[in-house]
């Protein structure tokens, strides 16, 4: 005991700085989409995502110390407390995982003497050390299920004074992030209008079916939407008795489709065809038989009401595009939700994609390489509640034009920053 105490005294000036940079709640299946919130002061911090859960750090998430030294009892080490609250009113449980993302760790700290513990009250849930740790890696600390209610947790980091400690650990540092993840299903595929490209088996999300009071009778999903990574193909057949509204929809859309197929059909001709008539020996059935590929690629016509639609599970299309929302017709809608997480298959986000979505937050995955002008407008009329865009790409974008703002400031060349919105309505934070 005397030797251990002497080593403790020799090591008491050891400097370790642990900075908990951020808290992340992830909602995904297959590929993850990231949502982050960083505290800038020592106040209570709550991250709320969808209807599933809150993660709250009671005294902020930033920890910085230069007094961490070997201790005989882990409770004398550095401590951060947080809670996970399952707000799902259906009674369903959620699976969650507590992780420690290590940004950097000095070689001298890769030791069995540097340890952690995770507790729920007096119950020890997990413990471990950093002997196998390395920079830019993640330690999975603990996984469990949470029923409706709140679980309070405490995370300890400490140098075990009961072990032999290497004096070369002096003044070395470790940086990282506490992370809480939970997985939920992607928003049902039927909630999205998609167009398809059979040449490379890709798809584009064109619009949304599950807004409030949707005409399809689908259960609304308006809190958090996770776009699908893949959508199934569809089979379409002409309805025997389409409604009058369907015929009107068809007449509006058919001229544009005909033009893309090299046909010349006026609005009057389209009205005749959609009502079962013949124009120059051509019927709607003939157009359907000859131009099915073009029809399947035209979501407005497919969902006009003129066709019976069945899902083709044998075909899976990779979603790579959030389409320009250039059309505004009764059967096609913006995604009107609070939060949206884009799947990590999407590479491009088109002009005005989320023009009228009423967003509070949006997460852009690392796969995205292109975001067009006015893709996520924020002002008093469009997305007035938008506060944060999570840029997980690591890429520079023209956020001023994307948000339609008046000014953009950044400290890292355009990856993150702050956009002043139109008419100085407010600001949107671009965060990692």
Protein backbone atom coordinates (compact mmCIF):
# COMPACT_ATOMS: atom_id res chain seq x y z
CA UNK A 1 0.00 0.00 0.00
CA UNK A 2 2.87 2.37 0.81
CA UNK A 3 4.36 1.91 -2.68
CA UNK A 4 1.04 2.54 -4.33
CA UNK A 5 0.56 5.68 -2.28
CA UNK A 6 4.02 6.92 -3.24
CA UNK A 7 3.23 6.38 -6.91
CA UNK A 8 -0.01 8.24 -6.39
CA UNK A 9 1.89 11.22 -4.95
CA UNK A 10 4.40 11.12 -7.81
CA UNK A 11 1.62 11.19 -10.37
CA UNK A 12 -0.71 13.77 -8.78
CA UNK A 13 0.26 16.53 -11.25
CA UNK A 14 -0.80 14.43 -14.23
CA UNK A 15 -2.71 16.55 -16.77
CA UNK A 16 -5.49 15.05 -18.78
CA UNK A 17 -8.01 17.17 -20.59
CA UNK A 18 -11.26 15.59 -21.55
CA UNK A 19 -13.47 17.73 -23.73
CA UNK A 20 -16.93 16.41 -24.38
CA UNK A 21 -17.53 18.22 -27.64
CA UNK A 22 -21.03 17.19 -28.54
CA UNK A 23 -23.97 14.95 -27.92
CA UNK A 24 -25.46 13.11 -30.84
CA UNK A 25 -28.81 11.37 -31.16
CA UNK A 26 -28.90 9.28 -34.30
CA UNK A 27 -31.98 7.97 -36.01
CA UNK A 28 -31.39 5.58 -38.82
CA UNK A 29 -31.58 2.13 -40.27
CA UNK A 30 -28.92 0.72 -42.53
CA UNK A 31 -26.95 3.93 -42.80
CA UNK A 32 -26.86 6.50 -40.03
CA UNK A 33 -27.87 10.09 -40.29
CA UNK A 34 -26.30 12.35 -37.68
CA UNK A 35 -27.83 15.00 -35.50
CA UNK A 36 -25.70 17.08 -33.14
CA UNK A 37 -26.01 19.81 -30.58
CA UNK A 38 -23.05 21.54 -29.01
CA UNK A 39 -23.24 23.49 -25.77
CA UNK A 40 -21.29 26.72 -25.47
CA UNK A 41 -21.85 27.27 -21.77
CA UNK A 42 -22.31 25.34 -18.58
CA UNK A 43 -26.08 25.22 -18.62
CA UNK A 44 -28.61 22.44 -19.02
CA UNK A 45 -28.59 21.00 -22.51
CA UNK A 46 -31.38 18.95 -24.07
CA UNK A 47 -31.37 17.31 -27.50
CA UNK A 48 -34.81 16.36 -28.80
CA UNK A 49 -35.29 14.25 -31.89
CA UNK A 50 -38.69 13.19 -33.17
CA UNK A 51 -41.12 11.50 -30.83
CA UNK A 52 -38.63 8.98 -29.59
CA UNK A 53 -36.30 10.49 -27.07
CA UNK A 54 -34.58 13.37 -25.36
CA UNK A 55 -30.97 13.29 -24.20
CA UNK A 56 -30.25 15.85 -21.47
CA UNK A 57 -26.92 16.80 -19.94
CA UNK A 58 -27.86 18.55 -16.71
CA UNK A 59 -24.86 20.88 -16.48
CA UNK A 60 -23.88 21.22 -20.10
CA UNK A 61 -21.69 18.86 -22.02
CA UNK A 62 -18.36 20.63 -21.88
CA UNK A 63 -15.78 19.22 -19.49
CA UNK A 64 -12.34 20.69 -19.15
CA UNK A 65 -9.96 20.00 -16.31
CA UNK A 66 -6.29 20.20 -15.52
CA UNK A 67 -6.61 18.63 -12.10
CA UNK A 68 -7.42 15.04 -12.98
CA UNK A 69 -5.11 12.79 -10.98
CA UNK A 70 -4.99 9.17 -9.87
CA UNK A 71 -7.74 8.35 -7.38
CA UNK A 72 -8.44 5.37 -5.18
CA UNK A 73 -12.21 5.66 -5.74
CA UNK A 74 -13.63 6.31 -9.22
CA UNK A 75 -16.25 8.65 -7.74
CA UNK A 76 -13.40 11.11 -7.18
CA UNK A 77 -12.67 11.20 -10.92
CA UNK A 78 -14.28 13.38 -13.58
CA UNK A 79 -18.03 12.93 -13.87
CA UNK A 80 -20.76 13.94 -16.29
CA UNK A 81 -24.43 13.10 -15.82
CA UNK A 82 -27.14 12.77 -18.43
CA UNK A 83 -30.60 11.33 -18.85
CA UNK A 84 -32.43 9.58 -21.69
CA UNK A 85 -36.18 10.12 -21.82
CA UNK A 86 -38.39 7.90 -23.99
CA UNK A 87 -41.35 10.08 -24.97
CA UNK A 88 -43.08 7.53 -27.20
CA UNK A 89 -46.66 7.47 -25.95
CA UNK A 90 -47.42 4.14 -27.62
CA UNK A 91 -45.58 2.22 -24.91
CA UNK A 92 -42.90 0.99 -27.29
CA UNK A 93 -39.36 0.56 -26.04
CA UNK A 94 -36.34 2.03 -27.75
CA UNK A 95 -32.90 0.50 -28.05
CA UNK A 96 -30.09 2.88 -27.24
CA UNK A 97 -26.31 2.72 -27.14
CA UNK A 98 -23.93 4.93 -25.17
CA UNK A 99 -20.62 5.43 -26.96
CA UNK A 100 -17.40 7.35 -26.50
CA UNK A 101 -16.00 8.72 -29.74
CA UNK A 102 -12.27 9.27 -29.27
CA UNK A 103 -10.96 12.08 -31.44
CA UNK A 104 -7.40 11.85 -30.19
CA UNK A 105 -5.52 10.06 -27.45
CA UNK A 106 -1.85 10.22 -26.58
CA UNK A 107 0.01 6.92 -26.80
CA UNK A 108 0.95 7.19 -23.14
CA UNK A 109 -2.74 7.16 -22.18
CA UNK A 110 -3.47 3.89 -23.96
CA UNK A 111 -3.28 2.20 -20.60
CA UNK A 112 -5.24 -0.09 -18.33
CA UNK A 113 -4.88 2.62 -15.67
CA UNK A 114 -7.09 5.09 -17.54
CA UNK A 115 -10.60 3.80 -16.95
CA UNK A 116 -14.28 4.62 -17.25
CA UNK A 117 -17.50 3.55 -15.57
CA UNK A 118 -21.13 4.07 -16.49
CA UNK A 119 -23.71 3.97 -13.71
CA UNK A 120 -27.48 4.14 -13.34
CA UNK A 121 -27.99 5.27 -9.76
CA UNK A 122 -25.86 2.91 -7.70
CA UNK A 123 -25.97 0.20 -10.37
CA UNK A 124 -22.78 -0.20 -12.37
CA UNK A 125 -23.74 -0.75 -16.01
CA UNK A 126 -20.36 -0.86 -17.70
CA UNK A 127 -16.65 -0.34 -17.13
CA UNK A 128 -13.49 -0.53 -19.19
CA UNK A 129 -10.10 0.94 -19.90
CA UNK A 130 -8.20 2.57 -22.73
CA UNK A 131 -5.47 0.00 -23.33
CA UNK A 132 -6.84 -0.77 -26.81
CA UNK A 133 -7.98 2.76 -27.62
CA UNK A 134 -6.73 4.82 -30.55
CA UNK A 135 -7.48 8.15 -32.18
CA UNK A 136 -10.57 8.44 -34.38
CA UNK A 137 -12.21 5.34 -32.97
CA UNK A 138 -15.37 4.63 -31.00
CA UNK A 139 -15.83 2.69 -27.78
CA UNK A 140 -19.26 1.12 -27.38
CA UNK A 141 -19.88 1.63 -23.71
CA UNK A 142 -23.35 0.18 -23.12
CA UNK A 143 -26.50 -0.96 -24.93
CA UNK A 144 -29.96 -1.39 -23.42
CA UNK A 145 -33.69 -0.91 -24.02
CA UNK A 146 -35.70 1.89 -22.48
CA UNK A 147 -39.43 1.79 -21.85
CA UNK A 148 -41.49 4.95 -21.51
CA UNK A 149 -39.88 7.20 -18.93
CA UNK A 150 -36.46 8.51 -18.02
CA UNK A 151 -33.17 6.80 -17.21
CA UNK A 152 -30.51 8.82 -15.36
CA UNK A 153 -26.90 7.93 -16.11
CA UNK A 154 -23.46 9.00 -14.88
CA UNK A 155 -20.18 8.61 -16.77
CA UNK A 156 -16.86 8.63 -14.88
CA UNK A 157 -13.35 9.00 -16.28
CA UNK A 158 -10.46 8.45 -13.90
CA UNK A 159 -6.88 7.35 -13.34
CA UNK A 160 -6.95 4.30 -11.09
CA UNK A 161 -4.61 5.04 -8.17
CA UNK A 162 -4.74 1.39 -7.19
CA UNK A 163 -2.72 0.50 -10.29
CA UNK A 164 0.90 1.14 -11.18
CA UNK A 165 0.84 4.35 -13.21
CA UNK A 166 3.37 5.26 -15.88
CA UNK A 167 4.91 8.66 -15.10
CA UNK A 168 5.17 9.28 -18.87
CA UNK A 169 1.41 9.87 -18.85
CA UNK A 170 2.20 13.31 -17.43
CA UNK A 171 0.59 16.23 -19.34
CA UNK A 172 -0.90 14.02 -22.02
CA UNK A 173 -4.44 14.48 -23.26
CA UNK A 174 -7.49 12.70 -24.61
CA UNK A 175 -10.35 14.34 -26.50
CA UNK A 176 -13.62 12.87 -27.55
CA UNK A 177 -17.39 12.91 -27.46
CA UNK A 178 -20.13 11.14 -25.54
CA UNK A 179 -22.66 9.82 -28.01
CA UNK A 180 -26.10 8.33 -27.53
CA UNK A 181 -27.62 6.53 -30.49
CA UNK A 182 -31.00 5.03 -31.07
CA UNK A 183 -32.42 3.44 -34.20
CA UNK A 184 -35.88 3.63 -35.62
CA UNK A 185 -37.32 2.54 -38.91
CA UNK A 186 -37.05 4.78 -41.89
CA UNK A 187 -40.27 6.58 -42.70
CA UNK A 188 -42.50 4.15 -44.64
CA UNK A 189 -41.80 4.05 -48.32
CA UNK A 190 -45.43 4.75 -49.21
CA UNK A 191 -44.97 8.21 -47.72
CA UNK A 192 -42.86 9.26 -50.70
CA UNK A 193 -43.48 9.90 -54.35
CA UNK A 194 -40.54 8.61 -56.34
CA UNK A 195 -39.45 8.49 -59.95
CA UNK A 196 -37.28 5.65 -61.22
CA UNK A 197 -34.31 5.14 -63.52
CA UNK A 198 -34.09 1.55 -64.70
CA UNK A 199 -30.75 2.06 -66.45
CA UNK A 200 -28.87 2.35 -63.15
CA UNK A 201 -31.63 1.33 -60.69
CA UNK A 202 -31.75 4.70 -58.97
CA UNK A 203 -34.67 6.77 -57.76
CA UNK A 204 -35.53 10.36 -56.98
CA UNK A 205 -37.86 11.43 -54.17
CA UNK A 206 -40.26 13.90 -55.69
CA UNK A 207 -42.78 14.61 -52.99
CA UNK A 208 -44.56 13.39 -49.87
CA UNK A 209 -47.74 11.45 -49.03
CA UNK A 210 -47.88 11.49 -45.21
CA UNK A 211 -48.56 15.11 -44.33
CA UNK A 212 -51.50 15.98 -42.10
CA UNK A 213 -54.90 15.41 -43.73
CA UNK A 214 -53.34 13.61 -46.69
CA UNK A 215 -55.88 12.39 -49.24
CA UNK A 216 -54.63 8.80 -49.11
CA UNK A 217 -55.69 8.10 -45.56
CA UNK A 218 -52.11 7.37 -44.49
CA UNK A 219 -51.11 7.90 -40.87
CA UNK A 220 -49.41 11.32 -40.76
CA UNK A 221 -45.67 11.49 -40.11
CA UNK A 222 -44.91 15.13 -39.43
CA UNK A 223 -42.42 15.20 -36.56
CA UNK A 224 -39.27 13.52 -37.83
CA UNK A 225 -38.93 12.01 -41.30
CA UNK A 226 -36.08 9.71 -42.32
CA UNK A 227 -35.92 9.37 -46.09
CA UNK A 228 -35.52 5.82 -47.42
CA UNK A 229 -32.22 4.56 -48.76
CA UNK A 230 -34.03 2.32 -51.23
CA UNK A 231 -37.53 2.24 -52.63
CA UNK A 232 -39.33 -0.63 -54.31
CA UNK A 233 -40.36 -0.57 -57.93
CA UNK A 234 -43.97 -0.17 -58.97
CA UNK A 235 -46.31 -1.79 -61.46
CA UNK A 236 -49.06 0.35 -62.93
CA UNK A 237 -52.21 -0.46 -64.86
CA UNK A 238 -54.93 1.82 -66.22
CA UNK A 239 -57.95 2.13 -63.97
CA UNK A 240 -61.14 0.95 -65.50
CA UNK A 241 -63.18 3.86 -64.11
CA UNK A 242 -60.97 6.80 -63.11
CA UNK A 243 -62.62 9.66 -61.27
CA UNK A 244 -63.39 13.03 -62.84
CA UNK A 245 -60.61 14.55 -60.74
CA UNK A 246 -58.18 11.94 -62.03
CA UNK A 247 -59.06 12.84 -65.61
CA UNK A 248 -58.48 16.52 -64.85
CA UNK A 249 -55.13 15.69 -63.27
CA UNK A 250 -54.21 13.59 -66.29
CA UNK A 251 -55.11 16.37 -68.72
CA UNK A 252 -52.89 18.80 -66.85
CA UNK A 253 -49.83 16.54 -66.78
CA UNK A 254 -50.03 14.62 -70.09
CA UNK A 255 -48.76 17.40 -72.42
CA UNK A 256 -45.47 17.66 -70.52
CA UNK A 257 -45.02 13.90 -70.48
CA UNK A 258 -45.83 13.70 -74.21
CA UNK A 259 -43.27 16.36 -74.97
CA UNK A 260 -40.54 14.43 -73.12
CA UNK A 261 -41.48 11.35 -75.18
CA UNK A 262 -41.31 13.28 -78.47
CA UNK A 263 -45.05 13.64 -78.88
CA UNK A 264 -47.01 16.81 -79.49
CA UNK A 265 -50.17 16.86 -77.41
CA UNK A 266 -52.03 20.05 -76.62
CA UNK A 267 -54.08 20.59 -73.49
CA UNK A 268 -57.26 20.08 -75.52
CA UNK A 269 -55.88 16.84 -76.99
CA UNK A 270 -54.87 15.70 -73.49
CA UNK A 271 -58.39 16.37 -72.19
CA UNK A 272 -59.82 14.22 -74.97
CA UNK A 273 -57.32 11.39 -74.40
CA UNK A 274 -57.71 11.37 -70.63
CA UNK A 275 -61.46 11.14 -71.01
CA UNK A 276 -61.14 8.04 -73.19
CA UNK A 277 -61.24 9.71 -76.62
CA UNK A 278 -59.03 9.34 -79.70
CA UNK A 279 -56.70 11.93 -81.24
CA UNK A 280 -55.23 11.13 -84.66
CA UNK A 281 -55.70 7.42 -84.02
CA UNK A 282 -53.97 7.61 -80.63
CA UNK A 283 -55.66 6.66 -77.37
CA UNK A 284 -54.50 6.94 -73.81
CA UNK A 285 -54.13 3.14 -73.76
CA UNK A 286 -51.78 3.28 -76.75
CA UNK A 287 -49.66 5.93 -75.03
CA UNK A 288 -49.61 3.80 -71.88
CA UNK A 289 -48.48 0.68 -73.79
CA UNK A 290 -45.75 2.47 -75.77
CA UNK A 291 -44.37 4.79 -73.10
CA UNK A 292 -44.56 2.89 -69.81
CA UNK A 293 -41.00 3.74 -68.86
CA UNK A 294 -41.65 7.45 -69.24
CA UNK A 295 -44.93 7.15 -67.37
CA UNK A 296 -43.29 5.28 -64.48
CA UNK A 297 -40.67 7.99 -64.29
CA UNK A 298 -43.30 10.71 -64.02
CA UNK A 299 -44.58 10.66 -60.45
CA UNK A 300 -47.33 13.28 -60.97
CA UNK A 301 -48.94 11.22 -63.74
CA UNK A 302 -48.50 7.91 -61.89
CA UNK A 303 -50.25 9.32 -58.84
CA UNK A 304 -52.82 11.33 -60.76
CA UNK A 305 -55.51 8.73 -60.03
CA UNK A 306 -55.51 7.29 -63.56
CA UNK A 307 -53.64 4.12 -62.55
CA UNK A 308 -53.82 1.24 -60.15
CA UNK A 309 -50.43 0.95 -58.47
CA UNK A 310 -48.87 -2.20 -57.03
CA UNK A 311 -45.47 -2.52 -55.35
CA UNK A 312 -42.81 -4.59 -57.09
CA UNK A 313 -40.66 -5.92 -54.25
CA UNK A 314 -38.37 -7.67 -56.71
CA UNK A 315 -36.92 -4.32 -57.78
CA UNK A 316 -35.04 -2.01 -55.43
CA UNK A 317 -33.96 1.45 -56.49
CA UNK A 318 -31.25 3.37 -54.66
CA UNK A 319 -32.47 6.85 -53.66
CA UNK A 320 -29.83 9.33 -54.85
CA UNK A 321 -31.78 12.56 -55.35
CA UNK A 322 -34.18 14.82 -53.52
CA UNK A 323 -35.91 16.31 -56.55
CA UNK A 324 -36.52 19.94 -57.39
CA UNK A 325 -39.93 20.73 -55.99
CA UNK A 326 -40.84 22.75 -59.04
CA UNK A 327 -44.43 21.58 -59.19
CA UNK A 328 -47.25 22.51 -56.84
CA UNK A 329 -50.34 20.55 -57.73
CA UNK A 330 -53.02 19.09 -55.44
CA UNK A 331 -51.73 15.52 -55.44
CA UNK A 332 -48.06 16.42 -54.90
CA UNK A 333 -46.77 17.95 -51.70
CA UNK A 334 -43.74 19.35 -50.00
CA UNK A 335 -42.47 17.37 -47.05
CA UNK A 336 -44.11 19.38 -44.27
CA UNK A 337 -42.33 18.13 -41.15
CA UNK A 338 -40.36 19.48 -38.19
CA UNK A 339 -37.16 17.52 -38.70
CA UNK A 340 -35.83 15.59 -41.66
CA UNK A 341 -32.91 13.19 -41.86
CA UNK A 342 -31.70 12.44 -45.36
CA UNK A 343 -30.46 8.91 -45.99
CA UNK A 344 -26.79 8.33 -46.67
CA UNK A 345 -27.44 7.28 -50.27
CA UNK A 346 -28.51 10.72 -51.48
CA UNK A 347 -25.94 12.64 -53.50
CA UNK A 348 -27.90 15.70 -54.65
CA UNK A 349 -30.57 18.01 -53.24
CA UNK A 350 -32.43 20.03 -55.83
CA UNK A 351 -33.64 23.61 -56.03
CA UNK A 352 -36.46 24.45 -53.60
CA UNK A 353 -36.54 20.87 -52.31
CA UNK A 354 -37.66 22.01 -48.85
CA UNK A 355 -39.09 25.37 -49.78
CA UNK A 356 -42.25 25.18 -47.70
CA UNK A 357 -41.48 22.37 -45.30
CA UNK A 358 -41.78 24.17 -41.93
CA UNK A 359 -38.51 22.61 -40.82
CA UNK A 360 -36.83 23.04 -37.46
CA UNK A 361 -33.76 20.98 -38.40
CA UNK A 362 -32.39 19.02 -41.34
CA UNK A 363 -29.49 16.55 -41.43
CA UNK A 364 -27.42 16.26 -44.58
CA UNK A 365 -25.38 13.03 -44.78
CA UNK A 366 -21.80 12.63 -45.91
CA UNK A 367 -22.92 11.24 -49.28
CA UNK A 368 -24.31 14.59 -50.51
CA UNK A 369 -22.09 16.39 -53.00
CA UNK A 370 -24.54 18.90 -54.50
CA UNK A 371 -27.10 21.25 -52.94
CA UNK A 372 -28.85 23.68 -55.27
CA UNK A 373 -29.88 27.29 -54.71
CA UNK A 374 -32.90 27.88 -52.43
CA UNK A 375 -32.94 24.22 -51.44
CA UNK A 376 -33.71 25.07 -47.80
CA UNK A 377 -35.08 28.61 -47.74
CA UNK A 378 -35.58 30.14 -44.32
CA UNK A 379 -37.50 33.37 -43.73
CA UNK A 380 -40.73 34.53 -42.12
CA UNK A 381 -42.81 32.68 -44.73
CA UNK A 382 -40.77 29.55 -45.50
CA UNK A 383 -39.29 27.36 -42.77
CA UNK A 384 -39.64 30.14 -40.18
CA UNK A 385 -38.66 27.74 -37.37
CA UNK A 386 -35.47 26.45 -38.99
CA UNK A 387 -32.62 26.86 -36.53
CA UNK A 388 -29.98 24.34 -37.52
CA UNK A 389 -28.67 22.42 -40.53
CA UNK A 390 -26.40 19.50 -39.71
CA UNK A 391 -23.74 19.30 -42.42
CA UNK A 392 -22.23 15.83 -42.05
CA UNK A 393 -20.52 15.94 -45.44
CA UNK A 394 -17.35 17.73 -44.41
CA UNK A 395 -17.80 19.72 -47.65
CA UNK A 396 -18.10 23.41 -48.36
CA UNK A 397 -21.43 24.63 -49.76
CA UNK A 398 -22.86 28.04 -50.64
CA UNK A 399 -25.08 28.23 -47.57
CA UNK A 400 -26.08 31.82 -48.27
CA UNK A 401 -27.75 30.81 -51.55
CA UNK A 402 -29.07 27.50 -50.16
CA UNK A 403 -30.88 29.23 -47.30
CA UNK A 404 -31.53 32.38 -49.36
CA UNK A 405 -29.81 34.40 -46.70
CA UNK A 406 -28.24 37.83 -46.67
CA UNK A 407 -24.94 36.93 -45.07
CA UNK A 408 -22.86 33.91 -44.12
CA UNK A 409 -20.00 33.76 -41.65
CA UNK A 410 -17.73 30.79 -41.11
CA UNK A 411 -14.50 29.89 -39.35
CA UNK A 412 -13.69 26.78 -41.37
CA UNK A 413 -14.08 27.89 -44.97
CA UNK A 414 -17.78 27.10 -45.37
CA UNK A 415 -18.31 23.69 -43.79
CA UNK A 416 -20.04 25.24 -40.78
CA UNK A 417 -21.09 28.74 -39.88
CA UNK A 418 -24.03 31.06 -39.42
CA UNK A 419 -26.50 32.30 -42.04
CA UNK A 420 -28.48 35.50 -41.55
CA UNK A 421 -31.83 34.80 -43.18
CA UNK A 422 -33.87 36.92 -45.55
CA UNK A 423 -35.17 40.24 -44.19
CA UNK A 424 -32.98 39.63 -41.12
CA UNK A 425 -35.67 37.29 -39.86
CA UNK A 426 -33.18 35.28 -37.81
CA UNK A 427 -30.23 33.01 -38.26
CA UNK A 428 -29.59 29.40 -39.17
CA UNK A 429 -26.62 27.58 -37.65
CA UNK A 430 -24.68 25.23 -39.91
CA UNK A 431 -23.17 22.56 -37.65
CA UNK A 432 -21.33 19.28 -37.96
